[in-house]
PDB file of N, CA and C in Angstrom:
ATOM      1  N   MET A   1       1.234 -22.715 -25.544  1.00  0.00           N
ATOM      2  CA  MET A   1       2.305 -21.743 -25.473  1.00  0.00           C
ATOM      3  C   MET A   1       2.374 -21.114 -24.119  1.00  0.00           C
ATOM      4  N   PRO A   2       3.524 -21.041 -23.423  1.00  0.00           N
ATOM      5  CA  PRO A   2       3.666 -20.509 -22.191  1.00  0.00           C
ATOM      6  C   PRO A   2       3.203 -18.917 -22.214  1.00  0.00           C
ATOM      7  N   ALA A   3       2.749 -18.453 -21.056  1.00  0.00           N
ATOM      8  CA  ALA A   3       2.319 -17.046 -20.932  1.00  0.00           C
ATOM      9  C   ALA A   3       2.973 -16.396 -19.657  1.00  0.00           C
ATOM     10  N   VAL A   4       3.005 -15.132 -19.685  1.00  0.00           N
ATOM     11  CA  VAL A   4       3.509 -14.394 -18.593  1.00  0.00           C
ATOM     12  C   VAL A   4       2.533 -13.320 -18.283  1.00  0.00           C
ATOM     13  N   VAL A   5       2.186 -13.072 -16.997  1.00  0.00           N
ATOM     14  CA  VAL A   5       1.340 -12.017 -16.556  1.00  0.00           C
ATOM     15  C   VAL A   5       2.161 -11.154 -15.602  1.00  0.00           C
ATOM     16  N   SER A   6       2.166  -9.833 -15.944  1.00  0.00           N
ATOM     17  CA  SER A   6       2.861  -8.817 -15.006  1.00  0.00           C
ATOM     18  C   SER A   6       1.803  -7.984 -14.309  1.00  0.00           C
ATOM     19  N   ILE A   7       2.106  -7.817 -13.077  1.00  0.00           N
ATOM     20  CA  ILE A   7       1.200  -7.004 -12.251  1.00  0.00           C
ATOM     21  C   ILE A   7       2.095  -5.908 -11.697  1.00  0.00           C
ATOM     22  N   LEU A   8       1.694  -4.628 -11.962  1.00  0.00           N
ATOM     23  CA  LEU A   8       2.553  -3.502 -11.561  1.00  0.00           C
ATOM     24  C   LEU A   8       1.722  -2.630 -10.622  1.00  0.00           C
ATOM     25  N   TYR A   9       2.217  -2.340  -9.490  1.00  0.00           N
ATOM     26  CA  TYR A   9       1.560  -1.429  -8.478  1.00  0.00           C
ATOM     27  C   TYR A   9       2.167  -0.109  -8.506  1.00  0.00           C
ATOM     28  N   PRO A  10       1.365   0.931  -8.812  1.00  0.00           N
ATOM     29  CA  PRO A  10       1.755   2.337  -8.953  1.00  0.00           C
ATOM     30  C   PRO A  10       2.412   2.863  -7.653  1.00  0.00           C
ATOM     31  N   ARG A  11       3.480   3.614  -7.874  1.00  0.00           N
ATOM     32  CA  ARG A  11       4.120   4.397  -6.841  1.00  0.00           C
ATOM     33  C   ARG A  11       3.569   5.773  -6.847  1.00  0.00           C
ATOM     34  N   GLU A  12       2.606   6.043  -5.974  1.00  0.00           N
ATOM     35  CA  GLU A  12       1.913   7.385  -5.897  1.00  0.00           C
ATOM     36  C   GLU A  12       2.092   7.902  -4.463  1.00  0.00           C
ATOM     37  N   THR A  13       2.133   9.155  -4.293  1.00  0.00           N
ATOM     38  CA  THR A  13       2.291   9.795  -3.039  1.00  0.00           C
ATOM     39  C   THR A  13       1.390   9.172  -1.959  1.00  0.00           C
ATOM     40  N   ASP A  14       0.160   8.993  -2.221  1.00  0.00           N
ATOM     41  CA  ASP A  14      -0.788   8.530  -1.212  1.00  0.00           C
ATOM     42  C   ASP A  14      -0.916   6.935  -1.192  1.00  0.00           C
ATOM     43  N   ALA A  15      -0.142   6.288  -1.980  1.00  0.00           N
ATOM     44  CA  ALA A  15      -0.200   4.807  -2.046  1.00  0.00           C
ATOM     45  C   ALA A  15       0.272   4.157  -0.857  1.00  0.00           C
ATOM     46  N   ILE A  16      -0.417   3.116  -0.298  1.00  0.00           N
ATOM     47  CA  ILE A  16      -0.033   2.270   0.736  1.00  0.00           C
ATOM     48  C   ILE A  16       0.312   0.874   0.158  1.00  0.00           C
ATOM     49  N   PHE A  17       1.331   0.331   0.562  1.00  0.00           N
ATOM     50  CA  PHE A  17       1.721  -1.072   0.149  1.00  0.00           C
ATOM     51  C   PHE A  17       2.466  -1.810   1.314  1.00  0.00           C
ATOM     52  N   ASP A  18       1.844  -2.848   1.836  1.00  0.00           N
ATOM     53  CA  ASP A  18       2.379  -3.632   2.912  1.00  0.00           C
ATOM     54  C   ASP A  18       3.148  -4.897   2.301  1.00  0.00           C
ATOM     55  N   PHE A  19       4.438  -4.694   2.232  1.00  0.00           N
ATOM     56  CA  PHE A  19       5.302  -5.665   1.716  1.00  0.00           C
ATOM     57  C   PHE A  19       5.250  -7.066   2.544  1.00  0.00           C
ATOM     58  N   ASP A  20       5.129  -6.920   3.824  1.00  0.00           N
ATOM     59  CA  ASP A  20       5.236  -8.121   4.669  1.00  0.00           C
ATOM     60  C   ASP A  20       3.945  -8.913   4.421  1.00  0.00           C
ATOM     61  N   TYR A  21       2.796  -8.285   4.347  1.00  0.00           N
ATOM     62  CA  TYR A  21       1.574  -8.979   4.076  1.00  0.00           C
ATOM     63  C   TYR A  21       1.567  -9.583   2.687  1.00  0.00           C
ATOM     64  N   TYR A  22       1.966  -8.796   1.669  1.00  0.00           N
ATOM     65  CA  TYR A  22       1.965  -9.188   0.348  1.00  0.00           C
ATOM     66  C   TYR A  22       2.841 -10.477   0.160  1.00  0.00           C
ATOM     67  N   MET A  23       4.061 -10.499   0.741  1.00  0.00           N
ATOM     68  CA  MET A  23       4.924 -11.640   0.543  1.00  0.00           C
ATOM     69  C   MET A  23       4.571 -12.812   1.466  1.00  0.00           C
ATOM     70  N   GLY A  24       4.032 -12.506   2.734  1.00  0.00           N
ATOM     71  CA  GLY A  24       3.723 -13.571   3.664  1.00  0.00           C
ATOM     72  C   GLY A  24       2.344 -14.165   3.526  1.00  0.00           C
ATOM     73  N   THR A  25       1.451 -13.420   2.951  1.00  0.00           N
ATOM     74  CA  THR A  25       0.030 -13.857   2.955  1.00  0.00           C
ATOM     75  C   THR A  25      -0.524 -13.858   1.532  1.00  0.00           C
ATOM     76  N   HIS A  26      -0.429 -12.809   0.750  1.00  0.00           N
ATOM     77  CA  HIS A  26      -1.066 -12.758  -0.573  1.00  0.00           C
ATOM     78  C   HIS A  26      -0.420 -13.657  -1.518  1.00  0.00           C
ATOM     79  N   MET A  27       0.894 -13.689  -1.676  1.00  0.00           N
ATOM     80  CA  MET A  27       1.479 -14.515  -2.696  1.00  0.00           C
ATOM     81  C   MET A  27       1.416 -15.966  -2.320  1.00  0.00           C
ATOM     82  N   PRO A  28       1.448 -16.357  -1.114  1.00  0.00           N
ATOM     83  CA  PRO A  28       1.104 -17.779  -0.839  1.00  0.00           C
ATOM     84  C   PRO A  28      -0.310 -18.145  -1.198  1.00  0.00           C
ATOM     85  N   LEU A  29      -1.277 -17.218  -0.996  1.00  0.00           N
ATOM     86  CA  LEU A  29      -2.618 -17.388  -1.335  1.00  0.00           C
ATOM     87  C   LEU A  29      -2.728 -17.576  -2.908  1.00  0.00           C
ATOM     88  N   VAL A  30      -2.041 -16.789  -3.648  1.00  0.00           N
ATOM     89  CA  VAL A  30      -2.081 -16.836  -5.085  1.00  0.00           C
ATOM     90  C   VAL A  30      -1.495 -18.163  -5.519  1.00  0.00           C
ATOM     91  N   SER A  31      -0.407 -18.638  -4.916  1.00  0.00           N
ATOM     92  CA  SER A  31       0.110 -19.989  -5.281  1.00  0.00           C
ATOM     93  C   SER A  31      -0.788 -21.073  -4.981  1.00  0.00           C
ATOM     94  N   LYS A  32      -1.336 -20.993  -3.714  1.00  0.00           N
ATOM     95  CA  LYS A  32      -2.288 -22.045  -3.322  1.00  0.00           C
ATOM     96  C   LYS A  32      -3.551 -22.156  -4.340  1.00  0.00           C
ATOM     97  N   ILE A  33      -4.034 -21.067  -4.830  1.00  0.00           N
ATOM     98  CA  ILE A  33      -5.284 -21.151  -5.647  1.00  0.00           C
ATOM     99  C   ILE A  33      -4.969 -21.327  -7.046  1.00  0.00           C
ATOM    100  N   TRP A  34      -3.957 -20.666  -7.677  1.00  0.00           N
ATOM    101  CA  TRP A  34      -3.685 -20.692  -9.010  1.00  0.00           C
ATOM    102  C   TRP A  34      -2.755 -21.728  -9.587  1.00  0.00           C
ATOM    103  N   THR A  35      -1.969 -22.378  -8.717  1.00  0.00           N
ATOM    104  CA  THR A  35      -1.030 -23.374  -9.270  1.00  0.00           C
ATOM    105  C   THR A  35      -1.846 -24.526  -9.839  1.00  0.00           C
ATOM    106  N   LYS A  36      -2.897 -24.865  -9.203  1.00  0.00           N
ATOM    107  CA  LYS A  36      -3.801 -25.900  -9.777  1.00  0.00           C
ATOM    108  C   LYS A  36      -4.431 -25.621 -11.102  1.00  0.00           C
ATOM    109  N   HIS A  37      -4.348 -24.267 -11.476  1.00  0.00           N
ATOM    110  CA  HIS A  37      -4.936 -23.791 -12.749  1.00  0.00           C
ATOM    111  C   HIS A  37      -3.836 -23.631 -13.804  1.00  0.00           C
ATOM    112  N   GLY A  38      -2.588 -23.890 -13.533  1.00  0.00           N
ATOM    113  CA  GLY A  38      -1.569 -23.825 -14.524  1.00  0.00           C
ATOM    114  C   GLY A  38      -0.599 -22.724 -14.355  1.00  0.00           C
ATOM    115  N   MET A  39      -0.606 -22.090 -13.257  1.00  0.00           N
ATOM    116  CA  MET A  39       0.439 -21.148 -12.861  1.00  0.00           C
ATOM    117  C   MET A  39       1.717 -21.952 -12.443  1.00  0.00           C
ATOM    118  N   THR A  40       2.918 -21.725 -13.177  1.00  0.00           N
ATOM    119  CA  THR A  40       3.968 -22.578 -12.952  1.00  0.00           C
ATOM    120  C   THR A  40       5.102 -21.917 -12.001  1.00  0.00           C
ATOM    121  N   GLY A  41       4.787 -20.658 -11.638  1.00  0.00           N
ATOM    122  CA  GLY A  41       5.782 -19.946 -10.758  1.00  0.00           C
ATOM    123  C   GLY A  41       5.593 -18.422 -10.853  1.00  0.00           C
ATOM    124  N   TRP A  42       6.284 -17.774  -9.931  1.00  0.00           N
ATOM    125  CA  TRP A  42       6.253 -16.341  -9.940  1.00  0.00           C
ATOM    126  C   TRP A  42       7.508 -15.732  -9.350  1.00  0.00           C
ATOM    127  N   HIS A  43       7.658 -14.447  -9.615  1.00  0.00           N
ATOM    128  CA  HIS A  43       8.756 -13.626  -9.077  1.00  0.00           C
ATOM    129  C   HIS A  43       8.132 -12.293  -8.656  1.00  0.00           C
ATOM    130  N   VAL A  44       8.628 -11.703  -7.497  1.00  0.00           N
ATOM    131  CA  VAL A  44       8.224 -10.403  -7.091  1.00  0.00           C
ATOM    132  C   VAL A  44       9.469  -9.526  -7.020  1.00  0.00           C
ATOM    133  N   CYS A  45       9.419  -8.368  -7.615  1.00  0.00           N
ATOM    134  CA  CYS A  45      10.569  -7.397  -7.567  1.00  0.00           C
ATOM    135  C   CYS A  45      10.057  -6.157  -6.962  1.00  0.00           C
ATOM    136  N   LYS A  46      10.862  -5.663  -5.975  1.00  0.00           N
ATOM    137  CA  LYS A  46      10.677  -4.362  -5.324  1.00  0.00           C
ATOM    138  C   LYS A  46      11.432  -3.458  -6.224  1.00  0.00           C
ATOM    139  N   LEU A  47      10.776  -2.480  -6.794  1.00  0.00           N
ATOM    140  CA  LEU A  47      11.404  -1.611  -7.888  1.00  0.00           C
ATOM    141  C   LEU A  47      12.129  -0.416  -7.297  1.00  0.00           C
ATOM    142  N   ASP A  48      13.156  -0.006  -7.947  1.00  0.00           N
ATOM    143  CA  ASP A  48      13.909   1.113  -7.616  1.00  0.00           C
ATOM    144  C   ASP A  48      13.078   2.376  -7.374  1.00  0.00           C
ATOM    145  N   SER A  49      13.455   3.206  -6.464  1.00  0.00           N
ATOM    146  CA  SER A  49      12.608   4.410  -6.100  1.00  0.00           C
ATOM    147  C   SER A  49      12.457   5.350  -7.261  1.00  0.00           C
ATOM    148  N   ASP A  50      13.180   5.197  -8.320  1.00  0.00           N
ATOM    149  CA  ASP A  50      13.031   6.118  -9.541  1.00  0.00           C
ATOM    150  C   ASP A  50      11.856   5.638 -10.446  1.00  0.00           C
ATOM    151  N   SER A  51      11.431   4.441 -10.146  1.00  0.00           N
ATOM    152  CA  SER A  51      10.427   3.748 -10.976  1.00  0.00           C
ATOM    153  C   SER A  51       9.081   4.330 -10.725  1.00  0.00           C
ATOM    154  N   PRO A  52       8.148   4.508 -11.670  1.00  0.00           N
ATOM    155  CA  PRO A  52       6.741   4.843 -11.408  1.00  0.00           C
ATOM    156  C   PRO A  52       5.923   3.808 -10.698  1.00  0.00           C
ATOM    157  N   TYR A  53       6.582   2.588 -10.505  1.00  0.00           N
ATOM    158  CA  TYR A  53       5.878   1.540  -9.920  1.00  0.00           C
ATOM    159  C   TYR A  53       6.731   1.022  -8.705  1.00  0.00           C
ATOM    160  N   ILE A  54       5.993   0.559  -7.658  1.00  0.00           N
ATOM    161  CA  ILE A  54       6.716   0.163  -6.435  1.00  0.00           C
ATOM    162  C   ILE A  54       7.012  -1.368  -6.473  1.00  0.00           C
ATOM    163  N   VAL A  55       6.136  -2.132  -7.084  1.00  0.00           N
ATOM    164  CA  VAL A  55       6.289  -3.606  -7.116  1.00  0.00           C
ATOM    165  C   VAL A  55       5.996  -4.049  -8.562  1.00  0.00           C
ATOM    166  N   HIS A  56       6.682  -5.160  -8.955  1.00  0.00           N
ATOM    167  CA  HIS A  56       6.408  -5.769 -10.208  1.00  0.00           C
ATOM    168  C   HIS A  56       6.262  -7.328  -9.901  1.00  0.00           C
ATOM    169  N   ALA A  57       5.094  -7.901  -9.965  1.00  0.00           N
ATOM    170  CA  ALA A  57       4.884  -9.290  -9.859  1.00  0.00           C
ATOM    171  C   ALA A  57       4.780  -9.863 -11.151  1.00  0.00           C
ATOM    172  N   LEU A  58       5.566 -10.949 -11.417  1.00  0.00           N
ATOM    173  CA  LEU A  58       5.664 -11.690 -12.700  1.00  0.00           C
ATOM    174  C   LEU A  58       5.253 -13.028 -12.474  1.00  0.00           C
ATOM    175  N   MET A  59       4.041 -13.529 -13.067  1.00  0.00           N
ATOM    176  CA  MET A  59       3.569 -14.840 -12.945  1.00  0.00           C
ATOM    177  C   MET A  59       3.740 -15.587 -14.168  1.00  0.00           C
ATOM    178  N   HIS A  60       4.238 -16.821 -14.133  1.00  0.00           N
ATOM    179  CA  HIS A  60       4.427 -17.744 -15.313  1.00  0.00           C
ATOM    180  C   HIS A  60       3.208 -18.783 -15.399  1.00  0.00           C
ATOM    181  N   TRP A  61       2.774 -18.884 -16.540  1.00  0.00           N
ATOM    182  CA  TRP A  61       1.560 -19.773 -16.783  1.00  0.00           C
ATOM    183  C   TRP A  61       1.807 -20.791 -17.865  1.00  0.00           C
ATOM    184  N   GLU A  62       1.165 -21.952 -17.851  1.00  0.00           N
ATOM    185  CA  GLU A  62       1.309 -22.922 -18.842  1.00  0.00           C
ATOM    186  C   GLU A  62       0.789 -22.364 -20.082  1.00  0.00           C
ATOM    187  N   SER A  63      -0.254 -21.487 -20.191  1.00  0.00           N
ATOM    188  CA  SER A  63      -0.716 -20.938 -21.282  1.00  0.00           C
ATOM    189  C   SER A  63      -1.711 -19.735 -20.897  1.00  0.00           C
ATOM    190  N   MET A  64      -1.953 -18.828 -21.852  1.00  0.00           N
ATOM    191  CA  MET A  64      -2.899 -17.617 -21.608  1.00  0.00           C
ATOM    192  C   MET A  64      -4.273 -18.221 -21.315  1.00  0.00           C
ATOM    193  N   ASP A  65      -4.608 -19.343 -21.937  1.00  0.00           N
ATOM    194  CA  ASP A  65      -5.994 -19.811 -21.653  1.00  0.00           C
ATOM    195  C   ASP A  65      -6.093 -20.359 -20.194  1.00  0.00           C
ATOM    196  N   ASN A  66      -4.986 -20.831 -19.619  1.00  0.00           N
ATOM    197  CA  ASN A  66      -4.950 -21.278 -18.217  1.00  0.00           C
ATOM    198  C   ASN A  66      -5.219 -20.046 -17.333  1.00  0.00           C
ATOM    199  N   PHE A  67      -4.589 -18.954 -17.545  1.00  0.00           N
ATOM    200  CA  PHE A  67      -4.642 -17.771 -16.848  1.00  0.00           C
ATOM    201  C   PHE A  67      -6.110 -17.238 -16.932  1.00  0.00           C
ATOM    202  N   LYS A  68      -6.645 -17.188 -18.200  1.00  0.00           N
ATOM    203  CA  LYS A  68      -8.041 -16.608 -18.272  1.00  0.00           C
ATOM    204  C   LYS A  68      -8.977 -17.474 -17.607  1.00  0.00           C
ATOM    205  N   ALA A  69      -8.763 -18.832 -17.651  1.00  0.00           N
ATOM    206  CA  ALA A  69      -9.748 -19.682 -16.944  1.00  0.00           C
ATOM    207  C   ALA A  69      -9.681 -19.508 -15.412  1.00  0.00           C
ATOM    208  N   ALA A  70      -8.412 -19.349 -14.932  1.00  0.00           N
ATOM    209  CA  ALA A  70      -8.212 -19.080 -13.466  1.00  0.00           C
ATOM    210  C   ALA A  70      -8.961 -17.817 -13.078  1.00  0.00           C
ATOM    211  N   ILE A  71      -8.764 -16.699 -13.872  1.00  0.00           N
ATOM    212  CA  ILE A  71      -9.427 -15.492 -13.555  1.00  0.00           C
ATOM    213  C   ILE A  71     -10.945 -15.646 -13.549  1.00  0.00           C
ATOM    214  N   ALA A  72     -11.450 -16.357 -14.595  1.00  0.00           N
ATOM    215  CA  ALA A  72     -12.886 -16.441 -14.776  1.00  0.00           C
ATOM    216  C   ALA A  72     -13.523 -17.369 -13.661  1.00  0.00           C
ATOM    217  N   ASN A  73     -12.759 -18.390 -13.263  1.00  0.00           N
ATOM    218  CA  ASN A  73     -13.435 -19.420 -12.415  1.00  0.00           C
ATOM    219  C   ASN A  73     -13.020 -19.393 -10.958  1.00  0.00           C
ATOM    220  N   ASP A  74     -11.792 -18.862 -10.658  1.00  0.00           N
ATOM    221  CA  ASP A  74     -11.250 -18.982  -9.309  1.00  0.00           C
ATOM    222  C   ASP A  74     -10.370 -17.804  -8.855  1.00  0.00           C
ATOM    223  N   SER A  75     -10.885 -16.614  -8.932  1.00  0.00           N
ATOM    224  CA  SER A  75     -10.204 -15.386  -8.634  1.00  0.00           C
ATOM    225  C   SER A  75     -10.755 -14.577  -7.522  1.00  0.00           C
ATOM    226  N   GLU A  76     -11.915 -14.974  -7.053  1.00  0.00           N
ATOM    227  CA  GLU A  76     -12.616 -14.103  -6.039  1.00  0.00           C
ATOM    228  C   GLU A  76     -11.821 -13.850  -4.763  1.00  0.00           C
ATOM    229  N   GLU A  77     -11.273 -15.041  -4.192  1.00  0.00           N
ATOM    230  CA  GLU A  77     -10.515 -14.854  -2.999  1.00  0.00           C
ATOM    231  C   GLU A  77      -9.219 -14.017  -3.106  1.00  0.00           C
ATOM    232  N   VAL A  78      -8.486 -14.251  -4.191  1.00  0.00           N
ATOM    233  CA  VAL A  78      -7.310 -13.494  -4.548  1.00  0.00           C
ATOM    234  C   VAL A  78      -7.567 -12.052  -4.762  1.00  0.00           C
ATOM    235  N   MET A  79      -8.573 -11.712  -5.472  1.00  0.00           N
ATOM    236  CA  MET A  79      -8.971 -10.290  -5.757  1.00  0.00           C
ATOM    237  C   MET A  79      -9.491  -9.604  -4.510  1.00  0.00           C
ATOM    238  N   ALA A  80     -10.232 -10.318  -3.670  1.00  0.00           N
ATOM    239  CA  ALA A  80     -10.737  -9.789  -2.376  1.00  0.00           C
ATOM    240  C   ALA A  80      -9.648  -9.400  -1.488  1.00  0.00           C
ATOM    241  N   ASP A  81      -8.421 -10.103  -1.568  1.00  0.00           N
ATOM    242  CA  ASP A  81      -7.396  -9.930  -0.686  1.00  0.00           C
ATOM    243  C   ASP A  81      -6.511  -8.585  -0.957  1.00  0.00           C
ATOM    244  N   VAL A  82      -6.658  -8.105  -2.203  1.00  0.00           N
ATOM    245  CA  VAL A  82      -5.805  -6.953  -2.622  1.00  0.00           C
ATOM    246  C   VAL A  82      -5.978  -5.746  -1.699  1.00  0.00           C
ATOM    247  N   LYS A  83      -7.256  -5.515  -1.098  1.00  0.00           N
ATOM    248  CA  LYS A  83      -7.355  -4.387  -0.243  1.00  0.00           C
ATOM    249  C   LYS A  83      -6.571  -4.521   1.046  1.00  0.00           C
ATOM    250  N   ASN A  84      -6.123  -5.752   1.323  1.00  0.00           N
ATOM    251  CA  ASN A  84      -5.402  -5.990   2.577  1.00  0.00           C
ATOM    252  C   ASN A  84      -3.979  -5.519   2.637  1.00  0.00           C
ATOM    253  N   TYR A  85      -3.429  -5.250   1.353  1.00  0.00           N
ATOM    254  CA  TYR A  85      -1.981  -4.838   1.343  1.00  0.00           C
ATOM    255  C   TYR A  85      -1.749  -3.562   0.484  1.00  0.00           C
ATOM    256  N   THR A  86      -2.735  -3.131  -0.312  1.00  0.00           N
ATOM    257  CA  THR A  86      -2.443  -1.812  -1.002  1.00  0.00           C
ATOM    258  C   THR A  86      -3.691  -1.013  -1.192  1.00  0.00           C
ATOM    259  N   SER A  87      -3.501   0.302  -1.329  1.00  0.00           N
ATOM    260  CA  SER A  87      -4.586   1.145  -1.574  1.00  0.00           C
ATOM    261  C   SER A  87      -4.798   1.499  -3.015  1.00  0.00           C
ATOM    262  N   LYS A  88      -4.020   1.009  -3.857  1.00  0.00           N
ATOM    263  CA  LYS A  88      -4.105   1.232  -5.302  1.00  0.00           C
ATOM    264  C   LYS A  88      -4.343   0.031  -6.058  1.00  0.00           C
ATOM    265  N   LEU A  89      -5.130   0.108  -7.118  1.00  0.00           N
ATOM    266  CA  LEU A  89      -5.342  -1.002  -8.039  1.00  0.00           C
ATOM    267  C   LEU A  89      -4.041  -1.110  -8.942  1.00  0.00           C
ATOM    268  N   PRO A  90      -3.765  -2.316  -9.206  1.00  0.00           N
ATOM    269  CA  PRO A  90      -2.547  -2.597 -10.056  1.00  0.00           C
ATOM    270  C   PRO A  90      -2.941  -2.525 -11.528  1.00  0.00           C
ATOM    271  N   ILE A  91      -1.888  -2.481 -12.314  1.00  0.00           N
ATOM    272  CA  ILE A  91      -1.971  -2.521 -13.778  1.00  0.00           C
ATOM    273  C   ILE A  91      -1.502  -3.939 -14.084  1.00  0.00           C
ATOM    274  N   THR A  92      -2.342  -4.505 -15.048  1.00  0.00           N
ATOM    275  CA  THR A  92      -2.060  -5.948 -15.453  1.00  0.00           C
ATOM    276  C   THR A  92      -1.614  -5.986 -17.036  1.00  0.00           C
ATOM    277  N   LEU A  93      -0.547  -6.661 -17.226  1.00  0.00           N
ATOM    278  CA  LEU A  93      -0.143  -6.882 -18.553  1.00  0.00           C
ATOM    279  C   LEU A  93       0.040  -8.308 -18.711  1.00  0.00           C
ATOM    280  N   MET A  94      -0.344  -8.850 -19.884  1.00  0.00           N
ATOM    281  CA  MET A  94      -0.267 -10.244 -20.090  1.00  0.00           C
ATOM    282  C   MET A  94      -0.014 -10.553 -21.633  1.00  0.00           C
ATOM    283  N   GLY A  95       0.679 -11.722 -21.803  1.00  0.00           N
ATOM    284  CA  GLY A  95       1.038 -12.177 -23.152  1.00  0.00           C
ATOM    285  C   GLY A  95       1.650 -13.531 -23.347  1.00  0.00           C
ATOM    286  N   ASP A  96       1.616 -14.048 -24.430  1.00  0.00           N
ATOM    287  CA  ASP A  96       2.247 -15.363 -24.706  1.00  0.00           C
ATOM    288  C   ASP A  96       3.805 -15.139 -24.918  1.00  0.00           C
ATOM    289  N   VAL A  97       4.599 -15.974 -24.425  1.00  0.00           N
ATOM    290  CA  VAL A  97       5.946 -16.038 -24.462  1.00  0.00           C
ATOM    291  C   VAL A  97       6.334 -16.375 -25.912  1.00  0.00           C
ATOM    292  N   ILE A  98       7.021 -15.510 -26.623  1.00  0.00           N
ATOM    293  CA  ILE A  98       7.431 -15.829 -28.090  1.00  0.00           C
ATOM    294  C   ILE A  98       8.999 -16.089 -28.126  1.00  0.00           C
ATOM    295  N   GLY A  99       9.654 -15.912 -27.089  1.00  0.00           N
ATOM    296  CA  GLY A  99      11.126 -16.146 -27.073  1.00  0.00           C
ATOM    297  C   GLY A  99      11.717 -15.990 -25.693  1.00  0.00           C
ATOM    298  N   SER A 100      12.798 -16.585 -25.460  1.00  0.00           N
ATOM    299  CA  SER A 100      13.500 -16.566 -24.174  1.00  0.00           C
ATOM    300  C   SER A 100      14.987 -17.058 -24.351  1.00  0.00           C
ATOM    301  N   SER A 101      15.793 -16.806 -23.296  1.00  0.00           N
ATOM    302  CA  SER A 101      17.139 -17.309 -23.352  1.00  0.00           C
ATOM    303  C   SER A 101      17.564 -17.681 -22.040  1.00  0.00           C
TER     304      SER A 101
END
């Protein structure tokens, strides 16, 4: 069953977020490392200034098991890179896709 993982970065007064680094370096790194584990694509949304979050990254996976295996076995480089573009830890939401249109 396909799965979706959402990564939300908080919009806080003291938050730092480098969009150029995120889009030019981090997301290509994510693709390079996790596509071989079953990530089928991603979208990044810069959220409206009224939102409590600044960025919403949405990753599509072949299955939740694929995502969990990628995190367990091949996430060190991706996670170590987070400090290079933001000062805040993201919130992660994940689940199986049960419908779409």
